[in-house]
Amino acid sequence: MSEVWGKFYELNDDQKPQNLDMLLKIFSENVRSATTEFNTFLEEIVADLNNCAINRAVNGKTDNFFEKLFKIYKAGYFPCGWDGEYPYGSFIALYIEMKNLN
């Protein structure tokens, strides 16, 4: 994120994404209210998705770490590690099939 924040701070005020704080608040509230199944990980998920949003606001939709992370979440997986030495390698992601227990 340091590279993303560096780019963000280099932008003039009129170039910075508008209403980013409001958008991040909406993400956070929605993630926290969406499930009680993974309370332990909610703050990690919120932080990841906030970083993905900030990255996209600053860099656009590019093929980078945060866009790949976002794709993992969109596919219903939970990123939980990295196989290899970054930047070489790939994400490790967990998928849990949620069954109706009623």
PDB file of N, CA and C in Angstrom:
ATOM      1  N   MET A   1       0.812  -1.197   0.000  1.00  0.00           N
ATOM      2  CA  MET A   1       0.000   0.000   0.000  1.00  0.00           C
ATOM      3  C   MET A   1       0.852   1.256   0.000  1.00  0.00           C
ATOM      4  N   SER A   2       2.106   1.157   0.415  1.00  0.00           N
ATOM      5  CA  SER A   2       2.930   2.360   0.474  1.00  0.00           C
ATOM      6  C   SER A   2       3.086   2.994  -0.907  1.00  0.00           C
ATOM      7  N   GLU A   3       3.183   2.163  -1.956  1.00  0.00           N
ATOM      8  CA  GLU A   3       3.273   2.711  -3.312  1.00  0.00           C
ATOM      9  C   GLU A   3       1.978   3.423  -3.699  1.00  0.00           C
ATOM     10  N   VAL A   4       0.852   2.832  -3.349  1.00  0.00           N
ATOM     11  CA  VAL A   4      -0.444   3.431  -3.670  1.00  0.00           C
ATOM     12  C   VAL A   4      -0.600   4.756  -2.936  1.00  0.00           C
ATOM     13  N   TRP A   5      -0.295   4.761  -1.629  1.00  0.00           N
ATOM     14  CA  TRP A   5      -0.411   6.000  -0.855  1.00  0.00           C
ATOM     15  C   TRP A   5       0.559   7.057  -1.384  1.00  0.00           C
ATOM     16  N   GLY A   6       1.738   6.634  -1.810  1.00  0.00           N
ATOM     17  CA  GLY A   6       2.686   7.585  -2.386  1.00  0.00           C
ATOM     18  C   GLY A   6       2.095   8.280  -3.601  1.00  0.00           C
ATOM     19  N   LYS A   7       1.469   7.512  -4.484  1.00  0.00           N
ATOM     20  CA  LYS A   7       0.823   8.099  -5.655  1.00  0.00           C
ATOM     21  C   LYS A   7      -0.330   9.010  -5.252  1.00  0.00           C
ATOM     22  N   PHE A   8      -1.099   8.574  -4.257  1.00  0.00           N
ATOM     23  CA  PHE A   8      -2.241   9.361  -3.790  1.00  0.00           C
ATOM     24  C   PHE A   8      -1.787  10.732  -3.302  1.00  0.00           C
ATOM     25  N   TYR A   9      -0.741  10.756  -2.489  1.00  0.00           N
ATOM     26  CA  TYR A   9      -0.267  12.014  -1.916  1.00  0.00           C
ATOM     27  C   TYR A   9       0.402  12.922  -2.944  1.00  0.00           C
ATOM     28  N   GLU A  10       0.832  12.355  -4.069  1.00  0.00           N
ATOM     29  CA  GLU A  10       1.423  13.166  -5.132  1.00  0.00           C
ATOM     30  C   GLU A  10       0.362  13.887  -5.970  1.00  0.00           C
ATOM     31  N   LEU A  11      -0.886  13.409  -5.890  1.00  0.00           N
ATOM     32  CA  LEU A  11      -1.960  14.015  -6.672  1.00  0.00           C
ATOM     33  C   LEU A  11      -2.320  15.392  -6.121  1.00  0.00           C
ATOM     34  N   ASN A  12      -2.682  16.303  -7.011  1.00  0.00           N
ATOM     35  CA  ASN A  12      -3.243  17.584  -6.584  1.00  0.00           C
ATOM     36  C   ASN A  12      -4.623  17.311  -6.000  1.00  0.00           C
ATOM     37  N   ASP A  13      -5.104  18.225  -5.190  1.00  0.00           N
ATOM     38  CA  ASP A  13      -6.410  18.026  -4.556  1.00  0.00           C
ATOM     39  C   ASP A  13      -7.518  17.775  -5.573  1.00  0.00           C
ATOM     40  N   ASP A  14      -7.481  18.464  -6.712  1.00  0.00           N
ATOM     41  CA  ASP A  14      -8.521  18.283  -7.720  1.00  0.00           C
ATOM     42  C   ASP A  14      -8.381  16.974  -8.492  1.00  0.00           C
ATOM     43  N   GLN A  15      -7.257  16.273  -8.326  1.00  0.00           N
ATOM     44  CA  GLN A  15      -7.039  14.978  -8.979  1.00  0.00           C
ATOM     45  C   GLN A  15      -7.396  13.809  -8.072  1.00  0.00           C
ATOM     46  N   LYS A  16      -7.495  14.061  -6.783  1.00  0.00           N
ATOM     47  CA  LYS A  16      -7.762  12.983  -5.822  1.00  0.00           C
ATOM     48  C   LYS A  16      -9.199  12.497  -5.963  1.00  0.00           C
ATOM     49  N   PRO A  17      -9.412  11.203  -5.766  1.00  0.00           N
ATOM     50  CA  PRO A  17     -10.773  10.656  -5.848  1.00  0.00           C
ATOM     51  C   PRO A  17     -11.693  11.366  -4.857  1.00  0.00           C
ATOM     52  N   GLN A  18     -12.861  11.727  -5.326  1.00  0.00           N
ATOM     53  CA  GLN A  18     -13.830  12.412  -4.488  1.00  0.00           C
ATOM     54  C   GLN A  18     -14.613  11.410  -3.644  1.00  0.00           C
ATOM     55  N   ASN A  19     -14.950  11.798  -2.424  1.00  0.00           N
ATOM     56  CA  ASN A  19     -15.799  11.014  -1.526  1.00  0.00           C
ATOM     57  C   ASN A  19     -15.232   9.644  -1.185  1.00  0.00           C
ATOM     58  N   LEU A  20     -13.920   9.484  -1.225  1.00  0.00           N
ATOM     59  CA  LEU A  20     -13.302   8.200  -0.929  1.00  0.00           C
ATOM     60  C   LEU A  20     -13.592   7.752   0.504  1.00  0.00           C
ATOM     61  N   ASP A  21     -13.525   8.663   1.452  1.00  0.00           N
ATOM     62  CA  ASP A  21     -13.811   8.310   2.843  1.00  0.00           C
ATOM     63  C   ASP A  21     -15.230   7.779   3.004  1.00  0.00           C
ATOM     64  N   MET A  22     -16.188   8.405   2.329  1.00  0.00           N
ATOM     65  CA  MET A  22     -17.579   7.965   2.411  1.00  0.00           C
ATOM     66  C   MET A  22     -17.731   6.565   1.805  1.00  0.00           C
ATOM     67  N   LEU A  23     -17.072   6.331   0.686  1.00  0.00           N
ATOM     68  CA  LEU A  23     -17.126   5.021   0.044  1.00  0.00           C
ATOM     69  C   LEU A  23     -16.538   3.940   0.944  1.00  0.00           C
ATOM     70  N   LEU A  24     -15.406   4.219   1.570  1.00  0.00           N
ATOM     71  CA  LEU A  24     -14.776   3.245   2.453  1.00  0.00           C
ATOM     72  C   LEU A  24     -15.655   2.951   3.661  1.00  0.00           C
ATOM     73  N   LYS A  25     -16.349   3.958   4.164  1.00  0.00           N
ATOM     74  CA  LYS A  25     -17.270   3.747   5.286  1.00  0.00           C
ATOM     75  C   LYS A  25     -18.412   2.820   4.875  1.00  0.00           C
ATOM     76  N   ILE A  26     -18.936   3.014   3.675  1.00  0.00           N
ATOM     77  CA  ILE A  26     -20.010   2.157   3.171  1.00  0.00           C
ATOM     78  C   ILE A  26     -19.519   0.720   3.039  1.00  0.00           C
ATOM     79  N   PHE A  27     -18.319   0.520   2.472  1.00  0.00           N
ATOM     80  CA  PHE A  27     -17.749  -0.830   2.375  1.00  0.00           C
ATOM     81  C   PHE A  27     -17.672  -1.473   3.754  1.00  0.00           C
ATOM     82  N   SER A  28     -17.107  -0.745   4.688  1.00  0.00           N
ATOM     83  CA  SER A  28     -16.896  -1.278   6.028  1.00  0.00           C
ATOM     84  C   SER A  28     -18.214  -1.686   6.675  1.00  0.00           C
ATOM     85  N   GLU A  29     -19.202  -0.831   6.595  1.00  0.00           N
ATOM     86  CA  GLU A  29     -20.502  -1.132   7.200  1.00  0.00           C
ATOM     87  C   GLU A  29     -21.157  -2.339   6.552  1.00  0.00           C
ATOM     88  N   ASN A  30     -21.060  -2.433   5.230  1.00  0.00           N
ATOM     89  CA  ASN A  30     -21.676  -3.561   4.528  1.00  0.00           C
ATOM     90  C   ASN A  30     -20.992  -4.880   4.840  1.00  0.00           C
ATOM     91  N   VAL A  31     -19.679  -4.876   4.885  1.00  0.00           N
ATOM     92  CA  VAL A  31     -18.961  -6.118   5.190  1.00  0.00           C
ATOM     93  C   VAL A  31     -19.279  -6.558   6.615  1.00  0.00           C
ATOM     94  N   ARG A  32     -19.245  -5.633   7.546  1.00  0.00           N
ATOM     95  CA  ARG A  32     -19.492  -5.979   8.941  1.00  0.00           C
ATOM     96  C   ARG A  32     -20.906  -6.482   9.173  1.00  0.00           C
ATOM     97  N   SER A  33     -21.870  -6.009   8.393  1.00  0.00           N
ATOM     98  CA  SER A  33     -23.251  -6.432   8.598  1.00  0.00           C
ATOM     99  C   SER A  33     -23.632  -7.651   7.754  1.00  0.00           C
ATOM    100  N   ALA A  34     -22.774  -8.049   6.838  1.00  0.00           N
ATOM    101  CA  ALA A  34     -23.114  -9.122   5.897  1.00  0.00           C
ATOM    102  C   ALA A  34     -23.083 -10.514   6.516  1.00  0.00           C
ATOM    103  N   THR A  35     -22.252 -10.719   7.497  1.00  0.00           N
ATOM    104  CA  THR A  35     -22.107 -12.069   8.030  1.00  0.00           C
ATOM    105  C   THR A  35     -21.684 -12.043   9.486  1.00  0.00           C
ATOM    106  N   THR A  36     -22.048 -13.093  10.172  1.00  0.00           N
ATOM    107  CA  THR A  36     -21.541 -13.305  11.531  1.00  0.00           C
ATOM    108  C   THR A  36     -20.678 -14.556  11.563  1.00  0.00           C
ATOM    109  N   GLU A  37     -20.559 -15.206  10.425  1.00  0.00           N
ATOM    110  CA  GLU A  37     -19.821 -16.467  10.335  1.00  0.00           C
ATOM    111  C   GLU A  37     -18.322 -16.296  10.548  1.00  0.00           C
ATOM    112  N   PHE A  38     -17.769 -15.185  10.109  1.00  0.00           N
ATOM    113  CA  PHE A  38     -16.324 -15.012  10.124  1.00  0.00           C
ATOM    114  C   PHE A  38     -15.921 -13.745  10.887  1.00  0.00           C
ATOM    115  N   ASN A  39     -16.535 -13.532  12.042  1.00  0.00           N
ATOM    116  CA  ASN A  39     -16.267 -12.319  12.817  1.00  0.00           C
ATOM    117  C   ASN A  39     -14.788 -12.099  13.066  1.00  0.00           C
ATOM    118  N   THR A  40     -14.042 -13.162  13.269  1.00  0.00           N
ATOM    119  CA  THR A  40     -12.614 -13.058  13.542  1.00  0.00           C
ATOM    120  C   THR A  40     -11.881 -12.366  12.402  1.00  0.00           C
ATOM    121  N   PHE A  41     -12.353 -12.557  11.196  1.00  0.00           N
ATOM    122  CA  PHE A  41     -11.654 -12.053  10.022  1.00  0.00           C
ATOM    123  C   PHE A  41     -12.258 -10.783   9.432  1.00  0.00           C
ATOM    124  N   LEU A  42     -13.354 -10.295   9.995  1.00  0.00           N
ATOM    125  CA  LEU A  42     -14.042  -9.160   9.384  1.00  0.00           C
ATOM    126  C   LEU A  42     -13.149  -7.938   9.234  1.00  0.00           C
ATOM    127  N   GLU A  43     -12.368  -7.628  10.248  1.00  0.00           N
ATOM    128  CA  GLU A  43     -11.518  -6.445  10.155  1.00  0.00           C
ATOM    129  C   GLU A  43     -10.444  -6.615   9.084  1.00  0.00           C
ATOM    130  N   GLU A  44      -9.950  -7.841   8.918  1.00  0.00           N
ATOM    131  CA  GLU A  44      -8.977  -8.111   7.843  1.00  0.00           C
ATOM    132  C   GLU A  44      -9.623  -7.927   6.476  1.00  0.00           C
ATOM    133  N   ILE A  45     -10.847  -8.420   6.341  1.00  0.00           N
ATOM    134  CA  ILE A  45     -11.566  -8.287   5.076  1.00  0.00           C
ATOM    135  C   ILE A  45     -11.835  -6.822   4.774  1.00  0.00           C
ATOM    136  N   VAL A  46     -12.299  -6.094   5.786  1.00  0.00           N
ATOM    137  CA  VAL A  46     -12.562  -4.658   5.597  1.00  0.00           C
ATOM    138  C   VAL A  46     -11.287  -3.939   5.167  1.00  0.00           C
ATOM    139  N   ALA A  47     -10.186  -4.221   5.830  1.00  0.00           N
ATOM    140  CA  ALA A  47      -8.918  -3.573   5.480  1.00  0.00           C
ATOM    141  C   ALA A  47      -8.503  -3.923   4.054  1.00  0.00           C
ATOM    142  N   ASP A  48      -8.618  -5.199   3.678  1.00  0.00           N
ATOM    143  CA  ASP A  48      -8.266  -5.607   2.311  1.00  0.00           C
ATOM    144  C   ASP A  48      -9.119  -4.883   1.277  1.00  0.00           C
ATOM    145  N   LEU A  49     -10.429  -4.874   1.490  1.00  0.00           N
ATOM    146  CA  LEU A  49     -11.319  -4.251   0.513  1.00  0.00           C
ATOM    147  C   LEU A  49     -11.120  -2.738   0.460  1.00  0.00           C
ATOM    148  N   ASN A  50     -10.841  -2.125   1.596  1.00  0.00           N
ATOM    149  CA  ASN A  50     -10.525  -0.694   1.585  1.00  0.00           C
ATOM    150  C   ASN A  50      -9.266  -0.432   0.765  1.00  0.00           C
ATOM    151  N   ASN A  51      -8.242  -1.264   0.947  1.00  0.00           N
ATOM    152  CA  ASN A  51      -7.007  -1.108   0.178  1.00  0.00           C
ATOM    153  C   ASN A  51      -7.256  -1.315  -1.313  1.00  0.00           C
ATOM    154  N   CYS A  52      -8.111  -2.275  -1.643  1.00  0.00           N
ATOM    155  CA  CYS A  52      -8.450  -2.505  -3.052  1.00  0.00           C
ATOM    156  C   CYS A  52      -9.146  -1.282  -3.642  1.00  0.00           C
ATOM    157  N   ALA A  53     -10.053  -0.690  -2.880  1.00  0.00           N
ATOM    158  CA  ALA A  53     -10.775   0.486  -3.367  1.00  0.00           C
ATOM    159  C   ALA A  53      -9.842   1.679  -3.534  1.00  0.00           C
ATOM    160  N   ILE A  54      -8.979   1.887  -2.569  1.00  0.00           N
ATOM    161  CA  ILE A  54      -8.032   2.999  -2.664  1.00  0.00           C
ATOM    162  C   ILE A  54      -7.094   2.798  -3.847  1.00  0.00           C
ATOM    163  N   ASN A  55      -6.617   1.564  -4.014  1.00  0.00           N
ATOM    164  CA  ASN A  55      -5.747   1.261  -5.152  1.00  0.00           C
ATOM    165  C   ASN A  55      -6.442   1.572  -6.465  1.00  0.00           C
ATOM    166  N   ARG A  56      -7.694   1.137  -6.598  1.00  0.00           N
ATOM    167  CA  ARG A  56      -8.404   1.376  -7.856  1.00  0.00           C
ATOM    168  C   ARG A  56      -8.665   2.864  -8.059  1.00  0.00           C
ATOM    169  N   ALA A  57      -8.961   3.582  -6.985  1.00  0.00           N
ATOM    170  CA  ALA A  57      -9.192   5.028  -7.099  1.00  0.00           C
ATOM    171  C   ALA A  57      -7.932   5.749  -7.559  1.00  0.00           C
ATOM    172  N   VAL A  58      -6.789   5.276  -7.123  1.00  0.00           N
ATOM    173  CA  VAL A  58      -5.519   5.927  -7.469  1.00  0.00           C
ATOM    174  C   VAL A  58      -4.964   5.426  -8.803  1.00  0.00           C
ATOM    175  N   ASN A  59      -4.979   4.113  -9.006  1.00  0.00           N
ATOM    176  CA  ASN A  59      -4.329   3.509 -10.174  1.00  0.00           C
ATOM    177  C   ASN A  59      -5.273   3.099 -11.287  1.00  0.00           C
ATOM    178  N   GLY A  60      -6.566   3.140 -11.044  1.00  0.00           N
ATOM    179  CA  GLY A  60      -7.512   2.638 -12.031  1.00  0.00           C
ATOM    180  C   GLY A  60      -7.547   1.116 -11.968  1.00  0.00           C
ATOM    181  N   LYS A  61      -8.253   0.539 -12.895  1.00  0.00           N
ATOM    182  CA  LYS A  61      -8.382  -0.915 -12.939  1.00  0.00           C
ATOM    183  C   LYS A  61      -7.176  -1.481 -13.692  1.00  0.00           C
ATOM    184  N   THR A  62      -6.150  -1.855 -12.926  1.00  0.00           N
ATOM    185  CA  THR A  62      -4.915  -2.369 -13.512  1.00  0.00           C
ATOM    186  C   THR A  62      -4.665  -3.783 -13.011  1.00  0.00           C
ATOM    187  N   ASP A  63      -3.773  -4.472 -13.656  1.00  0.00           N
ATOM    188  CA  ASP A  63      -3.435  -5.838 -13.248  1.00  0.00           C
ATOM    189  C   ASP A  63      -2.329  -5.767 -12.204  1.00  0.00           C
ATOM    190  N   ASN A  64      -2.731  -5.608 -10.945  1.00  0.00           N
ATOM    191  CA  ASN A  64      -1.740  -5.547  -9.880  1.00  0.00           C
ATOM    192  C   ASN A  64      -2.205  -6.376  -8.678  1.00  0.00           C
ATOM    193  N   PHE A  65      -1.451  -6.355  -7.628  1.00  0.00           N
ATOM    194  CA  PHE A  65      -1.714  -7.152  -6.441  1.00  0.00           C
ATOM    195  C   PHE A  65      -3.140  -6.960  -5.922  1.00  0.00           C
ATOM    196  N   PHE A  66      -3.575  -5.703  -5.816  1.00  0.00           N
ATOM    197  CA  PHE A  66      -4.872  -5.422  -5.211  1.00  0.00           C
ATOM    198  C   PHE A  66      -6.030  -5.829  -6.104  1.00  0.00           C
ATOM    199  N   GLU A  67      -5.873  -5.723  -7.410  1.00  0.00           N
ATOM    200  CA  GLU A  67      -6.931  -6.190  -8.315  1.00  0.00           C
ATOM    201  C   GLU A  67      -7.056  -7.708  -8.246  1.00  0.00           C
ATOM    202  N   LYS A  68      -5.926  -8.396  -8.132  1.00  0.00           N
ATOM    203  CA  LYS A  68      -5.971  -9.859  -7.990  1.00  0.00           C
ATOM    204  C   LYS A  68      -6.618 -10.246  -6.667  1.00  0.00           C
ATOM    205  N   LEU A  69      -6.297  -9.512  -5.608  1.00  0.00           N
ATOM    206  CA  LEU A  69      -6.898  -9.753  -4.305  1.00  0.00           C
ATOM    207  C   LEU A  69      -8.410  -9.556  -4.372  1.00  0.00           C
ATOM    208  N   PHE A  70      -8.829  -8.498  -5.046  1.00  0.00           N
ATOM    209  CA  PHE A  70     -10.259  -8.216  -5.194  1.00  0.00           C
ATOM    210  C   PHE A  70     -10.963  -9.329  -5.963  1.00  0.00           C
ATOM    211  N   LYS A  71     -10.338  -9.848  -7.005  1.00  0.00           N
ATOM    212  CA  LYS A  71     -10.925 -10.953  -7.776  1.00  0.00           C
ATOM    213  C   LYS A  71     -11.138 -12.186  -6.898  1.00  0.00           C
ATOM    214  N   ILE A  72     -10.209 -12.433  -5.997  1.00  0.00           N
ATOM    215  CA  ILE A  72     -10.336 -13.576  -5.084  1.00  0.00           C
ATOM    216  C   ILE A  72     -11.566 -13.400  -4.204  1.00  0.00           C
ATOM    217  N   TYR A  73     -11.726 -12.215  -3.623  1.00  0.00           N
ATOM    218  CA  TYR A  73     -12.904 -11.958  -2.795  1.00  0.00           C
ATOM    219  C   TYR A  73     -14.190 -12.057  -3.609  1.00  0.00           C
ATOM    220  N   LYS A  74     -14.194 -11.480  -4.823  1.00  0.00           N
ATOM    221  CA  LYS A  74     -15.400 -11.523  -5.661  1.00  0.00           C
ATOM    222  C   LYS A  74     -15.792 -12.952  -6.012  1.00  0.00           C
ATOM    223  N   ALA A  75     -14.821 -13.841  -6.113  1.00  0.00           N
ATOM    224  CA  ALA A  75     -15.101 -15.235  -6.446  1.00  0.00           C
ATOM    225  C   ALA A  75     -15.585 -16.031  -5.237  1.00  0.00           C
ATOM    226  N   GLY A  76     -15.610 -15.399  -4.056  1.00  0.00           N
ATOM    227  CA  GLY A  76     -16.106 -16.079  -2.865  1.00  0.00           C
ATOM    228  C   GLY A  76     -15.035 -16.776  -2.050  1.00  0.00           C
ATOM    229  N   TYR A  77     -13.791 -16.473  -2.316  1.00  0.00           N
ATOM    230  CA  TYR A  77     -12.678 -17.070  -1.591  1.00  0.00           C
ATOM    231  C   TYR A  77     -12.143 -16.105  -0.544  1.00  0.00           C
ATOM    232  N   PHE A  78     -11.383 -16.637   0.407  1.00  0.00           N
ATOM    233  CA  PHE A  78     -10.721 -15.829   1.423  1.00  0.00           C
ATOM    234  C   PHE A  78      -9.226 -15.977   1.232  1.00  0.00           C
ATOM    235  N   PRO A  79      -8.522 -14.901   0.823  1.00  0.00           N
ATOM    236  CA  PRO A  79      -7.076 -14.990   0.651  1.00  0.00           C
ATOM    237  C   PRO A  79      -6.406 -15.174   2.013  1.00  0.00           C
ATOM    238  N   CYS A  80      -5.546 -16.163   2.104  1.00  0.00           N
ATOM    239  CA  CYS A  80      -4.970 -16.470   3.423  1.00  0.00           C
ATOM    240  C   CYS A  80      -3.464 -16.710   3.387  1.00  0.00           C
ATOM    241  N   GLY A  81      -2.841 -16.436   2.271  1.00  0.00           N
ATOM    242  CA  GLY A  81      -1.398 -16.615   2.228  1.00  0.00           C
ATOM    243  C   GLY A  81      -0.842 -16.389   0.844  1.00  0.00           C
ATOM    244  N   TRP A  82       0.465 -16.603   0.756  1.00  0.00           N
ATOM    245  CA  TRP A  82       1.182 -16.442  -0.503  1.00  0.00           C
ATOM    246  C   TRP A  82       2.115 -17.623  -0.670  1.00  0.00           C
ATOM    247  N   ASP A  83       2.101 -18.255  -1.840  1.00  0.00           N
ATOM    248  CA  ASP A  83       2.988 -19.370  -2.146  1.00  0.00           C
ATOM    249  C   ASP A  83       4.129 -18.837  -2.991  1.00  0.00           C
ATOM    250  N   GLY A  84       5.324 -18.806  -2.430  1.00  0.00           N
ATOM    251  CA  GLY A  84       6.480 -18.285  -3.146  1.00  0.00           C
ATOM    252  C   GLY A  84       7.024 -17.064  -2.451  1.00  0.00           C
ATOM    253  N   GLU A  85       7.996 -16.445  -3.120  1.00  0.00           N
ATOM    254  CA  GLU A  85       8.582 -15.223  -2.587  1.00  0.00           C
ATOM    255  C   GLU A  85       8.072 -14.064  -3.423  1.00  0.00           C
ATOM    256  N   TYR A  86       7.308 -13.173  -2.777  1.00  0.00           N
ATOM    257  CA  TYR A  86       6.690 -12.075  -3.489  1.00  0.00           C
ATOM    258  C   TYR A  86       7.740 -11.218  -4.188  1.00  0.00           C
ATOM    259  N   PRO A  87       7.527 -10.828  -5.403  1.00  0.00           N
ATOM    260  CA  PRO A  87       6.285 -10.854  -6.167  1.00  0.00           C
ATOM    261  C   PRO A  87       6.074 -12.117  -6.987  1.00  0.00           C
ATOM    262  N   TYR A  88       6.993 -13.054  -6.863  1.00  0.00           N
ATOM    263  CA  TYR A  88       6.854 -14.305  -7.610  1.00  0.00           C
ATOM    264  C   TYR A  88       6.027 -15.269  -6.785  1.00  0.00           C
ATOM    265  N   GLY A  89       5.175 -16.000  -7.434  1.00  0.00           N
ATOM    266  CA  GLY A  89       4.316 -16.935  -6.738  1.00  0.00           C
ATOM    267  C   GLY A  89       2.866 -16.582  -6.952  1.00  0.00           C
ATOM    268  N   SER A  90       2.037 -17.045  -6.031  1.00  0.00           N
ATOM    269  CA  SER A  90       0.608 -16.805  -6.188  1.00  0.00           C
ATOM    270  C   SER A  90      -0.088 -16.835  -4.831  1.00  0.00           C
ATOM    271  N   PHE A  91      -1.298 -16.318  -4.839  1.00  0.00           N
ATOM    272  CA  PHE A  91      -2.116 -16.320  -3.629  1.00  0.00           C
ATOM    273  C   PHE A  91      -2.502 -17.735  -3.231  1.00  0.00           C
ATOM    274  N   ILE A  92      -2.688 -17.921  -1.962  1.00  0.00           N
ATOM    275  CA  ILE A  92      -3.336 -19.109  -1.414  1.00  0.00           C
ATOM    276  C   ILE A  92      -4.678 -18.618  -0.903  1.00  0.00           C
ATOM    277  N   ALA A  93      -5.748 -19.278  -1.314  1.00  0.00           N
ATOM    278  CA  ALA A  93      -7.081 -18.823  -0.926  1.00  0.00           C
ATOM    279  C   ALA A  93      -7.923 -19.999  -0.459  1.00  0.00           C
ATOM    280  N   LEU A  94      -8.775 -19.710   0.485  1.00  0.00           N
ATOM    281  CA  LEU A  94      -9.649 -20.702   1.102  1.00  0.00           C
ATOM    282  C   LEU A  94     -11.068 -20.497   0.605  1.00  0.00           C
ATOM    283  N   TYR A  95     -11.724 -21.592   0.286  1.00  0.00           N
ATOM    284  CA  TYR A  95     -13.141 -21.535  -0.073  1.00  0.00           C
ATOM    285  C   TYR A  95     -13.892 -22.463   0.850  1.00  0.00           C
ATOM    286  N   ILE A  96     -14.897 -21.947   1.496  1.00  0.00           N
ATOM    287  CA  ILE A  96     -15.729 -22.761   2.372  1.00  0.00           C
ATOM    288  C   ILE A  96     -17.135 -22.759   1.809  1.00  0.00           C
ATOM    289  N   GLU A  97     -17.624 -23.937   1.516  1.00  0.00           N
ATOM    290  CA  GLU A  97     -18.989 -24.037   1.019  1.00  0.00           C
ATOM    291  C   GLU A  97     -19.939 -23.924   2.205  1.00  0.00           C
ATOM    292  N   MET A  98     -20.777 -22.917   2.152  1.00  0.00           N
ATOM    293  CA  MET A  98     -21.725 -22.688   3.239  1.00  0.00           C
ATOM    294  C   MET A  98     -22.990 -23.477   2.939  1.00  0.00           C
ATOM    295  N   LYS A  99     -23.315 -24.407   3.808  1.00  0.00           N
ATOM    296  CA  LYS A  99     -24.526 -25.218   3.645  1.00  0.00           C
ATOM    297  C   LYS A  99     -25.564 -24.747   4.627  1.00  0.00           C
ATOM    298  N   ASN A 100     -26.790 -24.809   4.197  1.00  0.00           N
ATOM    299  CA  ASN A 100     -27.895 -24.457   5.063  1.00  0.00           C
ATOM    300  C   ASN A 100     -28.033 -25.539   6.128  1.00  0.00           C
ATOM    301  N   LEU A 101     -27.852 -25.169   7.379  1.00  0.00           N
ATOM    302  CA  LEU A 101     -27.890 -26.139   8.467  1.00  0.00           C
ATOM    303  C   LEU A 101     -29.262 -26.281   9.088  1.00  0.00           C
ATOM    304  N   ASN A 102     -30.232 -25.589   8.553  1.00  0.00           N
ATOM    305  CA  ASN A 102     -31.606 -25.690   9.110  1.00  0.00           C
ATOM    306  C   ASN A 102     -32.273 -26.943   8.657  1.00  0.00           C
TER     307      ASN A 102
END
